[in-house]
Amino acid sequence: MRIARFVPTGADPAFGIVELAADQGDHPDTIAVITGDPVAGPVQYTGARHDLADVRLLAPVIPRSKVVGVGRNYAEHAAELGNETPAEPLIFLKPNTSVIGQDEAVIRPSFTEDLHYEGELAVVIGRICKEVPPERAQEAIFGFTVANDVTARDLQSRDGQWTRAKGCDTFCPIGPWMVTHLSVSEAQNLSITTRLDGQVVQRGNTSQMVHPIPELISYTSSFMTLLPGDVILTGTPAGVGPMTPGQRVEVEIDGVGTLSNTVVAG
């Protein structure tokens, strides 16, 4: 199931279930409206339905408390920046004010000259949890989405820590929707492709993670409580690089979707 958050013409934001033409169902390329917030509790269909072309997709979830990032979780990416892979997950936080959705602009602040894309699989947490054993990680997951862990690489190097480099407004595009049909084992074997103005710049697979999804959930929840709607970014494959105003970045993950955003100058 694909769950999106969207704005219909002349109406307030809502959640809905997306049906694509590839599904070969009765309502191709539409979104069926549901009540409430599916991450927070039970929902029902309202009976309303819109063409996808007639709505604006938003970030599929606004994290209630935090976005958890994981650094250097692909060995080739760590190596391309001259780093070792960490023995334990390298955790950082992005504020929920950094989150934007499909087709929203990534704003390059005036104080950075080296803004990078980082295509990633993101995990959406579905329940309050603490000290989750790896074998029970599936129980903590609501679904998966696509993310771009936007990073001001010059600030990351200059500041000595990553808050400003990764936490600016618009530095966490996610979308275009959440998928709830994937198991952890399925999510651990998905191809990730990032394109810059249509040219492939990253190509990897989630099977290449140094620390797999169950370990990330277990490790993170060992020292902080995870809440419904929290998002864990699972790391990026090799091939990161600069993006400049006017360029468009697409991150595609098989079985999840394609996230697209354009860079603008701030």
Protein backbone atom coordinates (compact mmCIF):
# COMPACT_ATOMS: atom_id res chain seq x y z
CA MET A 1 0.00 0.00 0.00
CA ARG A 2 1.18 3.52 -0.85
CA ILE A 3 0.08 6.24 1.55
CA ALA A 4 0.51 9.86 0.52
CA ARG A 5 -0.18 13.20 2.12
CA PHE A 6 -1.54 15.68 -0.37
CA VAL A 7 -3.45 18.88 -1.03
CA PRO A 8 -6.48 18.74 -3.31
CA THR A 9 -7.42 21.90 -5.17
CA GLY A 10 -9.17 24.31 -2.81
CA ALA A 11 -9.03 21.96 0.19
CA ASP A 12 -6.95 21.21 3.27
CA PRO A 13 -4.13 18.62 3.39
CA ALA A 14 -5.29 15.03 3.67
CA PHE A 15 -3.96 11.48 3.54
CA GLY A 16 -4.85 9.05 0.81
CA ILE A 17 -4.11 5.66 -0.73
CA VAL A 18 -2.33 5.85 -4.09
CA GLU A 19 -3.18 3.50 -6.94
CA LEU A 20 -0.83 3.60 -9.93
CA ALA A 21 -1.48 2.43 -13.47
CA ALA A 22 1.16 -0.25 -12.94
CA ASP A 23 -1.09 -1.82 -10.31
CA GLN A 24 -3.61 -2.68 -13.04
CA GLY A 25 -6.48 -1.82 -10.73
CA ASP A 26 -9.81 -0.13 -11.40
CA HIS A 27 -8.60 3.41 -10.58
CA PRO A 28 -5.18 3.99 -12.20
CA ASP A 29 -3.15 7.03 -11.17
CA THR A 30 -5.59 8.16 -8.50
CA ILE A 31 -5.56 8.78 -4.77
CA ALA A 32 -8.41 7.66 -2.51
CA VAL A 33 -8.98 9.95 0.47
CA ILE A 34 -8.86 8.51 3.99
CA THR A 35 -9.75 10.00 7.36
CA GLY A 36 -7.17 11.03 9.96
CA ASP A 37 -3.47 10.24 10.14
CA PRO A 38 -2.61 6.58 9.44
CA VAL A 39 0.58 6.77 11.50
CA ALA A 40 -1.40 7.91 14.53
CA GLY A 41 -4.32 5.50 14.41
CA PRO A 42 -7.02 3.67 12.43
CA VAL A 43 -8.41 5.34 9.30
CA GLN A 44 -11.31 4.84 6.93
CA TYR A 45 -11.96 5.58 3.28
CA THR A 46 -14.14 8.64 2.78
CA GLY A 47 -15.33 7.64 -0.68
CA ALA A 48 -13.63 10.64 -2.32
CA ARG A 49 -11.00 10.08 -4.99
CA HIS A 50 -8.76 12.43 -7.00
CA ASP A 51 -6.57 12.08 -10.06
CA LEU A 52 -2.92 12.23 -9.02
CA ALA A 53 -2.34 14.86 -11.69
CA ASP A 54 -4.81 17.16 -9.94
CA VAL A 55 -3.25 17.15 -6.45
CA ARG A 56 -0.02 18.40 -4.91
CA LEU A 57 1.92 15.79 -2.97
CA LEU A 58 3.37 16.86 0.40
CA ALA A 59 5.95 15.19 2.61
CA PRO A 60 4.18 11.91 3.45
CA VAL A 61 4.90 12.37 7.15
CA ILE A 62 6.03 15.27 9.33
CA PRO A 63 8.15 13.65 12.04
CA ARG A 64 6.62 14.33 15.43
CA SER A 65 9.96 14.68 17.14
CA LYS A 66 12.99 13.88 14.99
CA VAL A 67 14.70 12.66 11.86
CA VAL A 68 17.54 10.29 12.72
CA GLY A 69 20.38 10.20 10.21
CA VAL A 70 23.01 7.49 9.86
CA GLY A 71 26.43 8.47 8.56
CA ARG A 72 28.92 6.36 6.61
CA ASN A 73 26.65 3.33 6.41
CA TYR A 74 27.88 2.30 2.95
CA ALA A 75 31.58 1.38 2.81
CA GLU A 76 32.22 2.84 -0.65
CA HIS A 77 30.62 6.15 0.35
CA ALA A 78 32.74 6.34 3.50
CA ALA A 79 35.84 5.63 1.39
CA GLU A 80 35.05 8.25 -1.25
CA LEU A 81 35.16 10.94 1.45
CA GLY A 82 38.31 9.52 3.03
CA ASN A 83 36.59 8.00 6.07
CA GLU A 84 36.53 4.60 7.75
CA THR A 85 33.26 2.76 8.29
CA PRO A 86 32.26 3.05 11.96
CA ALA A 87 32.10 -0.02 14.18
CA GLU A 88 28.75 1.22 15.52
CA PRO A 89 26.12 3.25 13.66
CA LEU A 90 27.13 6.91 13.41
CA ILE A 91 23.98 8.79 14.44
CA PHE A 92 23.02 12.43 13.90
CA LEU A 93 19.73 14.34 14.00
CA LYS A 94 17.94 16.57 11.51
CA PRO A 95 15.11 18.81 12.77
CA ASN A 96 11.60 18.24 11.46
CA THR A 97 11.76 21.78 10.03
CA SER A 98 14.19 20.42 7.43
CA VAL A 99 11.49 18.16 5.95
CA ILE A 100 9.93 18.97 2.57
CA GLY A 101 8.02 16.88 0.05
CA GLN A 102 7.82 15.98 -3.60
CA ASP A 103 8.63 18.82 -6.04
CA GLU A 104 9.35 21.31 -3.23
CA ALA A 105 12.51 23.36 -3.66
CA VAL A 106 15.75 22.61 -1.84
CA ILE A 107 17.06 26.04 -0.85
CA ARG A 108 20.83 26.47 -0.95
CA PRO A 109 21.71 28.96 1.82
CA SER A 110 24.04 31.82 1.00
CA PHE A 111 26.58 30.54 3.54
CA THR A 112 27.39 27.31 1.69
CA GLU A 113 29.09 26.80 -1.66
CA ASP A 114 29.17 22.99 -1.70
CA LEU A 115 25.68 21.50 -1.41
CA HIS A 116 25.47 17.73 -1.94
CA TYR A 117 22.72 15.19 -2.68
CA GLU A 118 22.58 11.89 -0.77
CA GLY A 119 19.89 9.47 -1.94
CA GLU A 120 18.66 7.17 0.82
CA LEU A 121 16.00 4.72 1.96
CA ALA A 122 14.05 6.09 4.93
CA VAL A 123 12.23 4.11 7.62
CA VAL A 124 9.05 5.56 9.14
CA ILE A 125 8.47 4.45 12.74
CA GLY A 126 4.95 3.32 13.57
CA ARG A 127 4.84 2.95 17.35
CA ILE A 128 6.40 4.23 20.56
CA CYS A 129 9.38 2.00 21.20
CA LYS A 130 12.55 1.76 23.27
CA GLU A 131 15.30 -0.87 23.39
CA VAL A 132 13.95 -2.80 20.39
CA PRO A 133 15.72 -6.13 19.82
CA PRO A 134 16.88 -6.49 16.19
CA GLU A 135 14.61 -9.50 15.68
CA ARG A 136 11.58 -7.34 16.56
CA ALA A 137 12.48 -4.37 14.37
CA GLN A 138 9.63 -5.12 11.96
CA GLU A 139 7.13 -4.40 14.72
CA ALA A 140 8.44 -0.84 15.07
CA ILE A 141 8.10 0.03 11.37
CA PHE A 142 5.11 1.72 9.77
CA GLY A 143 6.61 1.90 6.30
CA PHE A 144 9.37 3.13 4.03
CA THR A 145 9.91 6.19 1.87
CA VAL A 146 12.61 7.84 -0.24
CA ALA A 147 14.87 10.57 1.14
CA ASN A 148 17.59 12.99 0.08
CA ASP A 149 19.90 13.74 3.00
CA VAL A 150 20.95 17.16 1.68
CA THR A 151 24.34 18.15 3.09
CA ALA A 152 26.40 21.33 3.01
CA ARG A 153 29.71 19.56 2.67
CA ASP A 154 31.85 22.63 3.35
CA LEU A 155 29.99 23.33 6.60
CA GLN A 156 30.27 19.69 7.62
CA SER A 157 34.04 19.95 7.34
CA ARG A 158 34.36 23.44 8.82
CA ASP A 159 31.99 23.10 11.79
CA GLY A 160 33.42 19.83 13.08
CA GLN A 161 29.88 18.53 13.70
CA TRP A 162 26.90 18.13 11.43
CA THR A 163 23.98 20.10 12.84
CA ARG A 164 24.18 23.08 10.52
CA ALA A 165 25.47 21.08 7.54
CA LYS A 166 22.49 18.75 7.54
CA GLY A 167 19.81 20.60 9.51
CA CYS A 168 18.94 23.66 7.44
CA ASP A 169 15.39 24.23 6.28
CA THR A 170 14.58 22.10 3.18
CA PHE A 171 17.55 19.77 3.76
CA CYS A 172 15.39 16.65 4.18
CA PRO A 173 13.16 15.95 1.16
CA ILE A 174 11.11 12.78 1.63
CA GLY A 175 8.41 11.18 -0.50
CA PRO A 176 6.60 10.88 -2.76
CA TRP A 177 4.66 8.54 -0.44
CA MET A 178 5.16 5.84 2.21
CA VAL A 179 4.90 2.16 1.32
CA THR A 180 3.68 -0.28 3.94
CA HIS A 181 3.85 -3.58 2.05
CA LEU A 182 7.59 -4.23 2.34
CA SER A 183 9.10 -6.49 4.97
CA VAL A 184 12.47 -5.66 6.50
CA SER A 185 14.12 -8.40 4.46
CA GLU A 186 12.60 -7.02 1.25
CA ALA A 187 13.62 -3.47 2.15
CA GLN A 188 17.15 -4.74 2.70
CA ASN A 189 17.53 -5.59 -0.99
CA LEU A 190 16.37 -2.58 -3.02
CA SER A 191 18.27 -0.70 -5.71
CA ILE A 192 18.85 3.04 -5.15
CA THR A 193 19.48 5.33 -8.11
CA THR A 194 20.10 9.07 -7.92
CA ARG A 195 19.95 11.23 -11.04
CA LEU A 196 21.13 14.81 -11.42
CA ASP A 197 19.43 16.53 -14.36
CA GLY A 198 18.65 13.07 -15.71
CA GLN A 199 22.20 11.69 -15.42
CA VAL A 200 22.81 8.78 -13.06
CA VAL A 201 25.21 9.83 -10.29
CA GLN A 202 24.50 7.20 -7.61
CA ARG A 203 23.67 3.55 -8.06
CA GLY A 204 23.63 1.18 -5.12
CA ASN A 205 21.58 -1.36 -3.20
CA THR A 206 20.33 -1.38 0.37
CA SER A 207 21.99 -4.78 0.80
CA GLN A 208 25.29 -2.84 0.91
CA MET A 209 24.50 -1.21 4.26
CA VAL A 210 27.25 -1.74 6.83
CA HIS A 211 24.65 -1.71 9.61
CA PRO A 212 21.32 -3.15 8.40
CA ILE A 213 17.89 -1.78 9.22
CA PRO A 214 17.18 -3.97 12.29
CA GLU A 215 20.50 -2.95 13.83
CA LEU A 216 19.83 0.74 13.16
CA ILE A 217 16.45 0.58 14.89
CA SER A 218 17.83 -1.43 17.80
CA TYR A 219 20.87 0.80 18.27
CA THR A 220 18.98 4.08 18.03
CA SER A 221 16.21 2.92 20.36
CA SER A 222 18.80 1.79 22.91
CA PHE A 223 19.42 5.43 23.91
CA MET A 224 16.37 7.38 22.69
CA THR A 225 12.67 6.63 22.52
CA LEU A 226 11.33 6.43 18.99
CA LEU A 227 7.86 7.86 18.38
CA PRO A 228 5.28 7.21 15.66
CA GLY A 229 6.19 9.32 12.63
CA ASP A 230 9.89 9.53 13.46
CA VAL A 231 12.07 8.91 10.40
CA ILE A 232 15.38 7.06 10.19
CA LEU A 233 17.59 7.81 7.17
CA THR A 234 19.61 4.67 6.57
CA GLY A 235 22.67 6.07 4.79
CA THR A 236 23.72 6.75 1.21
CA PRO A 237 25.66 4.76 -1.39
CA ALA A 238 28.77 6.06 -3.11
CA GLY A 239 28.54 8.78 -5.73
CA VAL A 240 27.56 11.82 -3.67
CA GLY A 241 28.36 15.16 -5.23
CA PRO A 242 27.42 18.81 -5.64
CA MET A 243 24.11 20.17 -6.84
CA THR A 244 23.61 23.80 -7.77
CA PRO A 245 20.62 26.14 -8.18
CA GLY A 246 18.56 25.19 -11.21
CA GLN A 247 19.47 21.51 -11.07
CA ARG A 248 16.94 18.77 -10.42
CA VAL A 249 17.65 15.71 -8.28
CA GLU A 250 15.70 12.47 -8.53
CA VAL A 251 16.15 9.63 -6.06
CA GLU A 252 14.51 6.37 -7.15
CA ILE A 253 14.20 3.27 -4.98
CA ASP A 254 12.70 0.17 -6.58
CA GLY A 255 9.43 -0.82 -4.99
CA VAL A 256 9.12 2.51 -3.15
CA GLY A 257 9.03 5.44 -5.60
CA THR A 258 10.89 8.38 -7.08
CA LEU A 259 11.50 11.61 -5.14
CA SER A 260 12.16 14.73 -7.22
CA ASN A 261 13.30 18.19 -6.09
CA THR A 262 14.89 21.23 -7.70
CA VAL A 263 17.61 23.34 -6.09
CA VAL A 264 17.14 27.10 -5.79
CA ALA A 265 19.37 29.84 -4.39
CA GLY A 266 18.48 31.20 -0.97
